[in-house]
Amino acid sequence: MKRLLKGSLLLVAALLLAACASTQNPAVGIWDVNIETPVGAMVVILDIQPDLSGTLSSGDLGSAALNGVTVEGNAVNFETTVDAQGQTLTLRFAGTIDGDNLAGNFDTDFGAIPVAGVRR
């Protein structure tokens, strides 16, 4: 009887772990991102935490908090405000995640800026 109970508990634990793994948010992680700006390519780090907080950072822009991160299926959206050489810009990202690849656009006051990234 003890063996049956122990085996049942192990099976339940394995099923719970599998369920948790399959529901992990596809956006969570650290991403190396290339942004094709009007003045040239820029590399940034996008860090999205399990609680959907995060940052966008680079040597040129410093670090900026992500706001309003949403994930529906493989679609991800967020906003961030950056200081670009003394000018404050609000960047609104809309994109999709395919495995460890991220693609989309930052919508800015100057038009759409293409974005592509790879999870580390």
Protein backbone atom coordinates (compact mmCIF):
# COMPACT_ATOMS: atom_id res chain seq x y z
CA MET A 1 0.00 0.00 0.00
CA LYS A 2 2.85 2.38 0.87
CA ARG A 3 4.46 1.70 -2.51
CA LEU A 4 1.22 2.48 -4.32
CA LEU A 5 0.79 5.74 -2.39
CA LYS A 6 4.43 6.73 -2.96
CA GLY A 7 4.16 5.94 -6.68
CA SER A 8 0.92 7.94 -6.95
CA LEU A 9 2.50 10.94 -5.24
CA LEU A 10 5.49 10.81 -7.58
CA LEU A 11 3.17 10.67 -10.59
CA VAL A 12 1.15 13.66 -9.36
CA ALA A 13 4.37 15.63 -8.71
CA ALA A 14 5.68 14.82 -12.20
CA LEU A 15 2.38 15.91 -13.78
CA LEU A 16 2.42 19.19 -11.84
CA LEU A 17 6.00 19.93 -12.90
CA ALA A 18 5.14 19.18 -16.53
CA ALA A 19 2.10 21.46 -16.35
CA CYS A 20 4.16 24.30 -14.88
CA ALA A 21 6.84 23.92 -17.54
CA SER A 22 4.33 23.96 -20.38
CA THR A 23 2.67 27.17 -19.16
CA GLN A 24 5.89 29.20 -18.84
CA ASN A 25 5.52 32.56 -20.46
CA PRO A 26 7.29 32.52 -23.86
CA ALA A 27 8.53 36.11 -23.40
CA VAL A 28 10.44 35.49 -20.17
CA GLY A 29 14.19 35.62 -20.53
CA ILE A 30 17.11 37.75 -21.55
CA TRP A 31 17.14 38.68 -25.23
CA ASP A 32 19.93 40.07 -27.42
CA VAL A 33 18.03 42.46 -29.67
CA ASN A 34 19.00 44.33 -32.83
CA ILE A 35 17.10 47.52 -33.58
CA GLU A 36 17.35 49.04 -37.06
CA THR A 37 17.18 52.75 -36.22
CA PRO A 38 17.20 55.54 -38.82
CA VAL A 39 20.80 56.32 -37.77
CA GLY A 40 22.02 52.71 -37.87
CA ALA A 41 21.76 49.39 -36.09
CA MET A 42 21.71 49.32 -32.30
CA VAL A 43 22.16 46.30 -30.03
CA VAL A 44 20.18 46.25 -26.77
CA ILE A 45 19.44 43.77 -24.00
CA LEU A 46 15.78 43.05 -23.31
CA ASP A 47 15.18 41.41 -19.93
CA ILE A 48 11.63 40.16 -19.22
CA GLN A 49 10.98 38.64 -15.80
CA PRO A 50 8.28 36.04 -14.91
CA ASP A 51 6.17 38.77 -13.25
CA LEU A 52 6.30 40.66 -16.61
CA SER A 53 8.50 43.43 -15.27
CA GLY A 54 11.68 44.11 -17.14
CA THR A 55 14.22 46.45 -18.67
CA LEU A 56 15.62 47.51 -22.01
CA SER A 57 19.28 48.50 -21.79
CA SER A 58 22.26 49.42 -23.94
CA GLY A 59 25.50 51.30 -23.66
CA ASP A 60 24.01 54.16 -25.70
CA LEU A 61 20.62 54.46 -23.98
CA GLY A 62 21.30 53.25 -20.46
CA SER A 63 18.50 51.24 -18.85
CA ALA A 64 14.75 51.84 -19.10
CA ALA A 65 11.90 50.02 -17.39
CA LEU A 66 9.32 48.14 -19.45
CA ASN A 67 5.71 49.17 -18.89
CA GLY A 68 2.49 47.32 -19.64
CA VAL A 69 4.08 44.05 -20.76
CA THR A 70 1.38 41.75 -22.15
CA VAL A 71 1.68 38.30 -23.65
CA GLU A 72 -1.13 36.56 -25.49
CA GLY A 73 -0.07 33.28 -27.05
CA ASN A 74 3.16 34.17 -28.84
CA ALA A 75 2.35 37.89 -29.17
CA VAL A 76 4.17 40.28 -26.86
CA ASN A 77 3.61 44.02 -26.34
CA PHE A 78 5.15 46.65 -24.05
CA GLU A 79 6.17 50.29 -23.82
CA THR A 80 9.34 51.92 -22.62
CA THR A 81 10.62 55.47 -22.48
CA VAL A 82 14.25 56.11 -23.36
CA ASP A 83 16.54 59.12 -23.38
CA ALA A 84 18.03 59.34 -26.88
CA GLN A 85 20.74 62.01 -26.73
CA GLY A 86 18.62 64.34 -24.62
CA GLN A 87 15.35 63.58 -26.37
CA THR A 88 12.74 61.48 -24.56
CA LEU A 89 11.22 58.83 -26.81
CA THR A 90 8.36 56.48 -26.04
CA LEU A 91 8.81 53.16 -27.80
CA ARG A 92 5.78 50.85 -28.17
CA PHE A 93 6.77 47.30 -29.06
CA ALA A 94 4.49 44.80 -30.80
CA GLY A 95 5.95 41.48 -31.88
CA THR A 96 5.90 37.72 -31.80
CA ILE A 97 8.00 35.00 -30.28
CA ASP A 98 8.90 31.82 -32.15
CA GLY A 99 10.88 29.60 -29.80
CA ASP A 100 14.01 31.60 -28.96
CA ASN A 101 13.45 34.22 -31.68
CA LEU A 102 11.73 37.57 -31.29
CA ALA A 103 10.57 39.79 -34.16
CA GLY A 104 8.45 42.91 -34.35
CA ASN A 105 8.52 46.68 -34.46
CA PHE A 106 8.90 49.61 -32.13
CA ASP A 107 6.22 52.14 -33.00
CA THR A 108 7.70 55.62 -32.48
CA ASP A 109 6.84 59.21 -33.29
CA PHE A 110 9.15 58.75 -36.31
CA GLY A 111 7.50 55.58 -37.61
CA ALA A 112 8.03 51.86 -37.17
CA ILE A 113 11.51 50.56 -36.32
CA PRO A 114 12.21 46.85 -37.05
CA VAL A 115 13.39 44.68 -34.16
CA ALA A 116 14.85 41.14 -34.14
CA GLY A 117 16.18 39.27 -31.15
CA VAL A 118 17.45 35.95 -29.86
CA ARG A 119 17.02 34.61 -26.34
CA ARG A 120 20.32 33.92 -24.52
